[in-house]
Amino acid sequence: MRRDLGRLRVFAFVAVSLAVLTLGVINEESDILLHALDEYAIFTLSIVAILLLVAWRKKRTLADLVMQLNVFEVLFVIMLAFKIFAFTQEMSDPTDFGDEVPLFIVLIAAVIQRFV
């Protein structure tokens, strides 16, 4: 139970961090829609994750925690898919590619922490 609560806290921390980090990057990449698409998607899915955390804050049984962790894992895998798509779109533009690698590492770490 403590391990699952810790994993839930990690998802919460990463979701808030991603929402804040991508909000600043969206303004820089908003000139080309395909370059900003991954930031829009990650920001939106981070807000969804935060809202789900707030909505499910009272559900603390083990079955509820496992269900919540599975939902957050799916959300973060979708974010990771958008970030992989961004690699293909922004590889040729070095000014837009600067944020891809750090956010990719954060998303990989968030997905892996569920299984460790």
N, C-alpha and C. Protein backbone atom coordinates (compact mmCIF):
# COMPACT_ATOMS: atom_id res chain seq x y z
N MET A 1 0.83 -1.19 0.00
CA MET A 1 0.00 0.00 0.00
C MET A 1 0.88 1.26 0.00
N ARG A 2 1.95 1.26 0.84
CA ARG A 2 2.84 2.42 0.88
C ARG A 2 3.57 2.61 -0.44
N ARG A 3 3.95 1.50 -1.06
CA ARG A 3 4.64 1.57 -2.34
C ARG A 3 3.72 2.17 -3.42
N ASP A 4 2.47 1.76 -3.44
CA ASP A 4 1.53 2.30 -4.42
C ASP A 4 1.22 3.77 -4.16
N LEU A 5 1.14 4.16 -2.91
CA LEU A 5 0.94 5.58 -2.60
C LEU A 5 2.15 6.40 -3.04
N GLY A 6 3.33 5.86 -2.87
CA GLY A 6 4.54 6.54 -3.33
C GLY A 6 4.56 6.68 -4.84
N ARG A 7 4.15 5.64 -5.54
CA ARG A 7 4.08 5.71 -7.00
C ARG A 7 3.06 6.74 -7.45
N LEU A 8 1.95 6.82 -6.73
CA LEU A 8 0.93 7.82 -7.04
C LEU A 8 1.47 9.23 -6.83
N ARG A 9 2.27 9.42 -5.78
CA ARG A 9 2.88 10.73 -5.55
C ARG A 9 3.86 11.09 -6.66
N VAL A 10 4.58 10.12 -7.16
CA VAL A 10 5.52 10.38 -8.26
C VAL A 10 4.75 10.80 -9.50
N PHE A 11 3.66 10.11 -9.81
CA PHE A 11 2.84 10.51 -10.96
C PHE A 11 2.29 11.92 -10.77
N ALA A 12 1.89 12.25 -9.55
CA ALA A 12 1.37 13.60 -9.28
C ALA A 12 2.46 14.65 -9.48
N PHE A 13 3.64 14.39 -8.95
CA PHE A 13 4.75 15.34 -9.09
C PHE A 13 5.13 15.53 -10.54
N VAL A 14 5.22 14.45 -11.30
CA VAL A 14 5.60 14.54 -12.70
C VAL A 14 4.51 15.22 -13.51
N ALA A 15 3.24 14.96 -13.21
CA ALA A 15 2.15 15.61 -13.94
C ALA A 15 2.16 17.11 -13.73
N VAL A 16 2.35 17.55 -12.49
CA VAL A 16 2.42 18.99 -12.22
C VAL A 16 3.65 19.59 -12.89
N SER A 17 4.76 18.91 -12.82
CA SER A 17 5.99 19.41 -13.45
C SER A 17 5.84 19.52 -14.96
N LEU A 18 5.25 18.51 -15.58
CA LEU A 18 5.05 18.55 -17.02
C LEU A 18 4.10 19.67 -17.43
N ALA A 19 3.06 19.88 -16.64
CA ALA A 19 2.12 20.96 -16.96
C ALA A 19 2.83 22.31 -16.93
N VAL A 20 3.66 22.53 -15.94
CA VAL A 20 4.38 23.80 -15.82
C VAL A 20 5.44 23.94 -16.91
N LEU A 21 6.20 22.87 -17.15
CA LEU A 21 7.27 22.93 -18.14
C LEU A 21 6.74 23.12 -19.56
N THR A 22 5.70 22.42 -19.91
CA THR A 22 5.19 22.54 -21.29
C THR A 22 4.44 23.84 -21.51
N LEU A 23 3.93 24.43 -20.47
CA LEU A 23 3.24 25.71 -20.63
C LEU A 23 4.20 26.78 -21.14
N GLY A 24 5.42 26.77 -20.65
CA GLY A 24 6.41 27.73 -21.12
C GLY A 24 6.90 27.44 -22.53
N VAL A 25 6.93 26.18 -22.92
CA VAL A 25 7.44 25.79 -24.23
C VAL A 25 6.40 26.00 -25.33
N ILE A 26 5.13 25.93 -24.98
CA ILE A 26 4.07 26.07 -25.98
C ILE A 26 4.18 27.42 -26.68
N ASN A 27 4.47 28.48 -25.95
CA ASN A 27 4.57 29.80 -26.57
C ASN A 27 5.72 29.88 -27.56
N GLU A 28 6.81 29.18 -27.30
CA GLU A 28 7.95 29.22 -28.20
C GLU A 28 7.71 28.44 -29.49
N GLU A 29 6.93 27.38 -29.43
CA GLU A 29 6.75 26.51 -30.59
C GLU A 29 5.39 26.68 -31.25
N SER A 30 4.63 27.66 -30.87
CA SER A 30 3.27 27.79 -31.39
C SER A 30 3.21 28.26 -32.83
N ASP A 31 4.34 28.61 -33.42
CA ASP A 31 4.32 29.07 -34.81
C ASP A 31 4.02 27.94 -35.80
N ILE A 32 4.45 26.72 -35.49
CA ILE A 32 4.18 25.56 -36.34
C ILE A 32 3.37 24.56 -35.52
N LEU A 33 2.18 24.24 -35.99
CA LEU A 33 1.26 23.41 -35.20
C LEU A 33 1.84 22.02 -34.91
N LEU A 34 2.47 21.38 -35.89
CA LEU A 34 3.02 20.04 -35.65
C LEU A 34 4.15 20.06 -34.64
N HIS A 35 4.86 21.17 -34.52
CA HIS A 35 5.93 21.26 -33.52
C HIS A 35 5.37 21.48 -32.13
N ALA A 36 4.22 22.10 -32.03
CA ALA A 36 3.62 22.37 -30.72
C ALA A 36 2.58 21.32 -30.33
N LEU A 37 2.26 20.42 -31.23
CA LEU A 37 1.22 19.43 -30.96
C LEU A 37 1.54 18.56 -29.76
N ASP A 38 2.78 18.12 -29.63
CA ASP A 38 3.14 17.27 -28.50
C ASP A 38 3.06 18.03 -27.18
N GLU A 39 3.44 19.31 -27.19
CA GLU A 39 3.33 20.09 -25.95
C GLU A 39 1.87 20.32 -25.56
N TYR A 40 1.01 20.60 -26.56
CA TYR A 40 -0.42 20.75 -26.27
C TYR A 40 -0.99 19.45 -25.69
N ALA A 41 -0.62 18.32 -26.29
CA ALA A 41 -1.13 17.03 -25.82
C ALA A 41 -0.61 16.71 -24.42
N ILE A 42 0.67 16.94 -24.18
CA ILE A 42 1.24 16.64 -22.86
C ILE A 42 0.65 17.57 -21.81
N PHE A 43 0.46 18.84 -22.14
CA PHE A 43 -0.15 19.77 -21.20
C PHE A 43 -1.58 19.34 -20.87
N THR A 44 -2.35 18.99 -21.89
CA THR A 44 -3.73 18.57 -21.68
C THR A 44 -3.81 17.29 -20.86
N LEU A 45 -2.99 16.31 -21.18
CA LEU A 45 -3.01 15.06 -20.43
C LEU A 45 -2.49 15.24 -19.01
N SER A 46 -1.57 16.16 -18.80
CA SER A 46 -1.11 16.46 -17.44
C SER A 46 -2.23 17.08 -16.61
N ILE A 47 -2.98 17.98 -17.21
CA ILE A 47 -4.12 18.59 -16.51
C ILE A 47 -5.17 17.53 -16.20
N VAL A 48 -5.41 16.62 -17.14
CA VAL A 48 -6.35 15.52 -16.89
C VAL A 48 -5.86 14.67 -15.72
N ALA A 49 -4.57 14.36 -15.67
CA ALA A 49 -4.01 13.57 -14.58
C ALA A 49 -4.16 14.30 -13.24
N ILE A 50 -3.93 15.60 -13.24
CA ILE A 50 -4.08 16.38 -12.00
C ILE A 50 -5.53 16.38 -11.55
N LEU A 51 -6.45 16.56 -12.49
CA LEU A 51 -7.87 16.55 -12.14
C LEU A 51 -8.31 15.19 -11.62
N LEU A 52 -7.79 14.12 -12.22
CA LEU A 52 -8.11 12.78 -11.73
C LEU A 52 -7.55 12.56 -10.33
N LEU A 53 -6.36 13.07 -10.08
CA LEU A 53 -5.79 12.97 -8.72
C LEU A 53 -6.67 13.66 -7.70
N VAL A 54 -7.16 14.83 -8.05
CA VAL A 54 -8.02 15.58 -7.13
C VAL A 54 -9.35 14.86 -6.96
N ALA A 55 -9.91 14.34 -8.05
CA ALA A 55 -11.20 13.66 -7.97
C ALA A 55 -11.12 12.36 -7.18
N TRP A 56 -9.98 11.67 -7.27
CA TRP A 56 -9.82 10.37 -6.61
C TRP A 56 -9.04 10.45 -5.31
N ARG A 57 -8.93 11.60 -4.72
CA ARG A 57 -8.09 11.75 -3.51
C ARG A 57 -8.61 10.97 -2.31
N LYS A 58 -9.89 10.67 -2.26
CA LYS A 58 -10.46 9.94 -1.12
C LYS A 58 -10.45 8.42 -1.31
N LYS A 59 -10.19 7.96 -2.52
CA LYS A 59 -10.18 6.52 -2.79
C LYS A 59 -8.82 5.97 -2.42
N ARG A 60 -8.74 5.25 -1.32
CA ARG A 60 -7.44 4.77 -0.84
C ARG A 60 -7.42 3.27 -0.55
N THR A 61 -8.34 2.51 -1.10
CA THR A 61 -8.22 1.07 -0.94
C THR A 61 -7.18 0.56 -1.95
N LEU A 62 -6.69 -0.63 -1.73
CA LEU A 62 -5.64 -1.17 -2.59
C LEU A 62 -6.14 -1.35 -4.02
N ALA A 63 -7.36 -1.79 -4.18
CA ALA A 63 -7.92 -1.96 -5.53
C ALA A 63 -8.06 -0.61 -6.23
N ASP A 64 -8.46 0.42 -5.50
CA ASP A 64 -8.57 1.76 -6.08
C ASP A 64 -7.20 2.30 -6.48
N LEU A 65 -6.20 2.07 -5.64
CA LEU A 65 -4.86 2.54 -5.96
C LEU A 65 -4.31 1.86 -7.20
N VAL A 66 -4.52 0.57 -7.32
CA VAL A 66 -4.05 -0.16 -8.49
C VAL A 66 -4.75 0.35 -9.75
N MET A 67 -6.05 0.60 -9.66
CA MET A 67 -6.80 1.15 -10.79
C MET A 67 -6.28 2.53 -11.16
N GLN A 68 -6.02 3.38 -10.18
CA GLN A 68 -5.51 4.72 -10.44
C GLN A 68 -4.12 4.66 -11.09
N LEU A 69 -3.27 3.79 -10.58
CA LEU A 69 -1.93 3.65 -11.15
C LEU A 69 -1.99 3.17 -12.60
N ASN A 70 -2.91 2.28 -12.90
CA ASN A 70 -3.06 1.81 -14.28
C ASN A 70 -3.54 2.94 -15.20
N VAL A 71 -4.47 3.75 -14.72
CA VAL A 71 -4.96 4.88 -15.51
C VAL A 71 -3.84 5.88 -15.77
N PHE A 72 -3.06 6.20 -14.73
CA PHE A 72 -1.97 7.14 -14.90
C PHE A 72 -0.88 6.57 -15.79
N GLU A 73 -0.65 5.27 -15.71
CA GLU A 73 0.34 4.64 -16.58
C GLU A 73 -0.08 4.78 -18.04
N VAL A 74 -1.34 4.57 -18.33
CA VAL A 74 -1.84 4.73 -19.70
C VAL A 74 -1.69 6.17 -20.16
N LEU A 75 -2.03 7.13 -19.30
CA LEU A 75 -1.89 8.54 -19.66
C LEU A 75 -0.43 8.88 -19.97
N PHE A 76 0.48 8.39 -19.17
CA PHE A 76 1.90 8.69 -19.39
C PHE A 76 2.46 7.97 -20.61
N VAL A 77 1.96 6.80 -20.94
CA VAL A 77 2.39 6.12 -22.15
C VAL A 77 1.89 6.89 -23.38
N ILE A 78 0.68 7.45 -23.31
CA ILE A 78 0.17 8.28 -24.40
C ILE A 78 1.03 9.53 -24.54
N MET A 79 1.41 10.14 -23.41
CA MET A 79 2.31 11.31 -23.48
C MET A 79 3.63 10.93 -24.12
N LEU A 80 4.14 9.76 -23.78
CA LEU A 80 5.40 9.29 -24.35
C LEU A 80 5.27 9.07 -25.86
N ALA A 81 4.13 8.58 -26.30
CA ALA A 81 3.90 8.39 -27.74
C ALA A 81 3.90 9.74 -28.46
N PHE A 82 3.29 10.75 -27.86
CA PHE A 82 3.32 12.09 -28.46
C PHE A 82 4.75 12.63 -28.50
N LYS A 83 5.54 12.36 -27.50
CA LYS A 83 6.91 12.85 -27.48
C LYS A 83 7.75 12.13 -28.54
N ILE A 84 7.52 10.85 -28.75
CA ILE A 84 8.22 10.12 -29.81
C ILE A 84 7.82 10.68 -31.17
N PHE A 85 6.54 11.01 -31.33
CA PHE A 85 6.08 11.65 -32.57
C PHE A 85 6.79 12.99 -32.76
N ALA A 86 7.02 13.71 -31.68
CA ALA A 86 7.69 15.01 -31.77
C ALA A 86 9.13 14.86 -32.24
N PHE A 87 9.78 13.76 -31.88
CA PHE A 87 11.15 13.53 -32.37
C PHE A 87 11.17 13.51 -33.90
N THR A 88 10.19 12.86 -34.50
CA THR A 88 10.17 12.77 -35.96
C THR A 88 9.87 14.12 -36.60
N GLN A 89 9.08 14.94 -35.95
CA GLN A 89 8.69 16.23 -36.52
C GLN A 89 9.72 17.32 -36.31
N GLU A 90 10.42 17.30 -35.19
CA GLU A 90 11.29 18.41 -34.83
C GLU A 90 12.78 18.10 -34.95
N MET A 91 13.12 16.96 -35.47
CA MET A 91 14.52 16.57 -35.57
C MET A 91 15.32 17.54 -36.44
N SER A 92 14.72 18.07 -37.48
CA SER A 92 15.46 18.94 -38.41
C SER A 92 15.56 20.39 -37.92
N ASP A 93 14.81 20.77 -36.91
CA ASP A 93 14.82 22.15 -36.42
C ASP A 93 15.47 22.22 -35.04
N PRO A 94 16.73 22.64 -34.95
CA PRO A 94 17.42 22.61 -33.65
C PRO A 94 16.85 23.58 -32.62
N THR A 95 16.16 24.63 -33.05
CA THR A 95 15.58 25.56 -32.08
C THR A 95 14.36 24.95 -31.39
N ASP A 96 13.63 24.10 -32.08
CA ASP A 96 12.45 23.46 -31.49
C ASP A 96 12.77 22.13 -30.82
N PHE A 97 13.91 21.55 -31.13
CA PHE A 97 14.24 20.21 -30.62
C PHE A 97 14.82 20.25 -29.21
N GLY A 98 15.13 21.40 -28.67
CA GLY A 98 15.83 21.50 -27.39
C GLY A 98 15.10 20.93 -26.21
N ASP A 99 13.77 20.95 -26.20
CA ASP A 99 13.02 20.47 -25.04
C ASP A 99 12.65 19.00 -25.14
N GLU A 100 12.87 18.38 -26.28
CA GLU A 100 12.39 17.02 -26.48
C GLU A 100 13.12 16.00 -25.61
N VAL A 101 14.41 16.08 -25.54
CA VAL A 101 15.20 15.06 -24.83
C VAL A 101 14.93 15.09 -23.32
N PRO A 102 14.95 16.26 -22.64
CA PRO A 102 14.67 16.23 -21.20
C PRO A 102 13.26 15.75 -20.86
N LEU A 103 12.27 16.18 -21.63
CA LEU A 103 10.91 15.72 -21.36
C LEU A 103 10.76 14.23 -21.67
N PHE A 104 11.47 13.75 -22.68
CA PHE A 104 11.45 12.33 -23.01
C PHE A 104 12.02 11.51 -21.86
N ILE A 105 13.12 11.98 -21.27
CA ILE A 105 13.74 11.27 -20.15
C ILE A 105 12.81 11.27 -18.94
N VAL A 106 12.15 12.38 -18.67
CA VAL A 106 11.20 12.45 -17.54
C VAL A 106 10.04 11.49 -17.77
N LEU A 107 9.52 11.44 -18.98
CA LEU A 107 8.40 10.53 -19.27
C LEU A 107 8.83 9.06 -19.18
N ILE A 108 10.02 8.74 -19.67
CA ILE A 108 10.53 7.36 -19.56
C ILE A 108 10.67 6.98 -18.09
N ALA A 109 11.24 7.89 -17.29
CA ALA A 109 11.40 7.61 -15.86
C ALA A 109 10.06 7.42 -15.17
N ALA A 110 9.06 8.21 -15.54
CA ALA A 110 7.73 8.07 -14.93
C ALA A 110 7.08 6.74 -15.30
N VAL A 111 7.25 6.33 -16.53
CA VAL A 111 6.67 5.05 -16.96
C VAL A 111 7.39 3.89 -16.29
N ILE A 112 8.71 3.95 -16.19
CA ILE A 112 9.48 2.86 -15.59
C ILE A 112 9.23 2.75 -14.09
N GLN A 113 9.04 3.87 -13.40
CA GLN A 113 8.88 3.81 -11.94
C GLN A 113 7.67 3.00 -11.53
N ARG A 114 6.72 2.83 -12.39
CA ARG A 114 5.53 2.03 -12.07
C ARG A 114 5.91 0.56 -11.87
N PHE A 115 6.95 0.11 -12.54
CA PHE A 115 7.31 -1.31 -12.49
C PHE A 115 8.48 -1.61 -11.57
N VAL A 116 9.13 -0.60 -11.08
CA VAL A 116 10.30 -0.81 -10.21
C VAL A 116 9.90 -0.79 -8.76
